Amino acid sequence: MKRWMTCAAVLGAVLTLGGCVAAPGPFDGTRTAADEVPAVAAHYVGDGELASSRYQGSAGGRELFLLRGTRGSQVCLVYTDGTDAGSGSTCGGGSWLRAQVANGAEFEVNISGFPDGLGRGEEQVSPWVRLVQPARED
């Protein structure tokens, strides 16, 4: 019995110290003022929780934000170029979504992180967002 308890204690210590910690997600950490979706884009959020927004970076002529989804959606991508016409939102029910914006730029979101490397012409915006198709040059 004593040997079994010793083995259980050692196994518990190994699991605790062995790094059995999940990788951080897009909504971990403290939210800052920079994470707030600009007013020009906020009204496009239908199935997302504005209070959960996290700024991801800039690419394809847009500022990008991730939000927790509501009403069956798990995640939303909000994008804006600072104008009403250049702003929008896309939500999805899984951990992955793809969004194409008016200027031709296409973004991919994977809240679990991307298992593969970047493809030709792709740009990593954050661990959870990448530009997969650059904007058209008009």
Protein backbone atom coordinates (compact mmCIF):
# COMPACT_ATOMS: atom_id res chain seq x y z
CA MET A 1 0.00 0.00 0.00
CA LYS A 2 2.84 2.37 0.90
CA ARG A 3 4.57 1.64 -2.42
CA TRP A 4 1.35 2.44 -4.34
CA MET A 5 0.97 5.78 -2.53
CA THR A 6 4.60 6.67 -3.27
CA CYS A 7 4.12 5.87 -6.97
CA ALA A 8 0.95 7.97 -7.08
CA ALA A 9 2.73 10.91 -5.43
CA VAL A 10 5.66 10.68 -7.86
CA LEU A 11 3.30 10.43 -10.85
CA GLY A 12 1.37 13.47 -9.59
CA ALA A 13 4.56 15.49 -9.24
CA VAL A 14 5.75 14.49 -12.73
CA LEU A 15 2.44 15.51 -14.31
CA THR A 16 2.39 18.81 -12.42
CA LEU A 17 5.98 19.71 -13.26
CA GLY A 18 5.98 18.10 -16.70
CA GLY A 19 4.27 20.99 -18.47
CA CYS A 20 0.75 19.64 -18.78
CA VAL A 21 -0.45 23.16 -19.40
CA ALA A 22 -2.52 24.16 -22.41
CA ALA A 23 -1.10 26.74 -24.78
CA PRO A 24 -2.55 30.22 -24.30
CA GLY A 25 -5.62 31.07 -26.36
CA PRO A 26 -6.69 34.32 -28.01
CA PHE A 27 -8.88 35.31 -25.07
CA ASP A 28 -6.35 34.64 -22.30
CA GLY A 29 -4.67 37.52 -20.53
CA THR A 30 -5.95 40.89 -19.45
CA ARG A 31 -7.98 42.90 -21.94
CA THR A 32 -6.63 46.40 -22.63
CA ALA A 33 -8.01 49.54 -24.29
CA ALA A 34 -6.22 48.51 -27.52
CA ASP A 35 -8.43 45.40 -27.62
CA GLU A 36 -11.64 47.41 -27.99
CA VAL A 37 -13.33 47.24 -31.38
CA PRO A 38 -13.58 50.75 -32.88
CA ALA A 39 -17.11 52.20 -32.97
CA VAL A 40 -17.07 52.28 -36.78
CA ALA A 41 -16.90 48.46 -36.81
CA ALA A 42 -18.75 47.59 -33.59
CA HIS A 43 -22.21 47.76 -35.15
CA TYR A 44 -21.27 44.94 -37.54
CA VAL A 45 -20.91 42.49 -34.66
CA GLY A 46 -24.06 40.38 -34.57
CA ASP A 47 -23.06 37.06 -33.03
CA GLY A 48 -20.06 38.19 -31.03
CA GLU A 49 -19.44 39.41 -27.50
CA LEU A 50 -17.89 42.88 -27.82
CA ALA A 51 -16.58 42.77 -24.25
CA SER A 52 -14.35 39.81 -25.19
CA SER A 53 -12.59 41.46 -28.15
CA ARG A 54 -8.84 41.07 -28.56
CA TYR A 55 -6.74 43.04 -31.04
CA GLN A 56 -4.76 40.70 -33.32
CA GLY A 57 -2.82 43.07 -35.55
CA SER A 58 -2.98 44.70 -38.93
CA ALA A 59 -2.80 43.15 -42.41
CA GLY A 60 -4.45 43.50 -45.79
CA GLY A 61 -5.25 47.14 -45.05
CA ARG A 62 -7.37 46.20 -42.02
CA GLU A 63 -7.11 46.19 -38.21
CA LEU A 64 -8.22 42.76 -36.94
CA PHE A 65 -10.01 41.72 -33.75
CA LEU A 66 -11.19 38.34 -32.42
CA LEU A 67 -14.33 38.03 -30.29
CA ARG A 68 -15.99 35.16 -28.49
CA GLY A 69 -19.09 34.12 -30.36
CA THR A 70 -22.67 34.06 -29.11
CA ARG A 71 -25.86 32.35 -30.36
CA GLY A 72 -24.14 29.27 -31.76
CA SER A 73 -20.97 30.98 -32.93
CA GLN A 74 -17.68 30.16 -31.24
CA VAL A 75 -15.50 32.92 -32.66
CA CYS A 76 -15.86 36.12 -34.68
CA LEU A 77 -13.35 38.11 -36.73
CA VAL A 78 -13.97 41.86 -36.91
CA TYR A 79 -12.03 43.92 -39.43
CA THR A 80 -11.86 47.63 -40.15
CA ASP A 81 -9.90 50.14 -42.18
CA GLY A 82 -11.39 52.95 -40.10
CA THR A 83 -14.35 53.52 -42.41
CA ASP A 84 -17.87 52.15 -42.33
CA ALA A 85 -17.54 50.76 -45.86
CA GLY A 86 -14.25 49.03 -44.99
CA SER A 87 -15.50 47.35 -41.82
CA GLY A 88 -17.32 44.09 -41.16
CA SER A 89 -17.54 40.90 -39.16
CA THR A 90 -17.65 37.15 -39.78
CA CYS A 91 -18.56 34.53 -37.15
CA GLY A 92 -18.36 30.74 -37.15
CA GLY A 93 -19.58 27.84 -35.05
CA GLY A 94 -16.29 25.95 -34.96
CA SER A 95 -12.73 26.82 -34.02
CA TRP A 96 -11.89 27.83 -37.60
CA LEU A 97 -13.26 30.40 -40.06
CA ARG A 98 -12.32 32.22 -43.23
CA ALA A 99 -13.32 35.77 -44.19
CA GLN A 100 -12.96 37.70 -47.43
CA VAL A 101 -13.18 41.48 -47.29
CA ALA A 102 -14.20 43.94 -50.01
CA ASN A 103 -10.62 44.75 -51.10
CA GLY A 104 -9.99 41.06 -51.89
CA ALA A 105 -7.96 40.29 -48.77
CA GLU A 106 -8.77 36.94 -47.21
CA PHE A 107 -8.17 35.99 -43.58
CA GLU A 108 -8.17 32.65 -41.82
CA VAL A 109 -8.79 32.18 -38.09
CA ASN A 110 -7.97 29.11 -36.03
CA ILE A 111 -8.47 29.62 -32.28
CA SER A 112 -6.57 26.41 -31.61
CA GLY A 113 -3.55 27.76 -33.49
CA PHE A 114 -2.37 26.75 -36.94
CA PRO A 115 -0.92 23.25 -37.23
CA ASP A 116 0.90 24.04 -40.47
CA GLY A 117 3.38 26.62 -41.68
CA LEU A 118 2.56 29.59 -43.85
CA GLY A 119 1.81 29.02 -47.50
CA ARG A 120 3.20 31.10 -50.33
CA GLY A 121 2.11 34.73 -49.97
CA GLU A 122 0.52 34.18 -46.54
CA GLU A 123 1.24 36.46 -43.59
CA GLN A 124 1.00 35.56 -39.90
CA VAL A 125 -0.93 38.30 -38.08
CA SER A 126 -1.11 36.55 -34.69
CA PRO A 127 -0.93 32.94 -33.48
CA TRP A 128 -4.66 32.67 -34.36
CA VAL A 129 -5.07 34.88 -37.46
CA ARG A 130 -3.32 34.87 -40.81
CA LEU A 131 -3.71 36.71 -44.08
CA VAL A 132 -4.07 34.02 -46.77
CA GLN A 133 -4.83 36.25 -49.75
CA PRO A 134 -3.38 39.76 -50.05
CA ALA A 135 -5.58 42.74 -50.89
CA ARG A 136 -5.95 43.70 -54.53
CA GLU A 137 -3.93 46.67 -55.66
CA ASP A 138 -6.34 48.96 -57.48
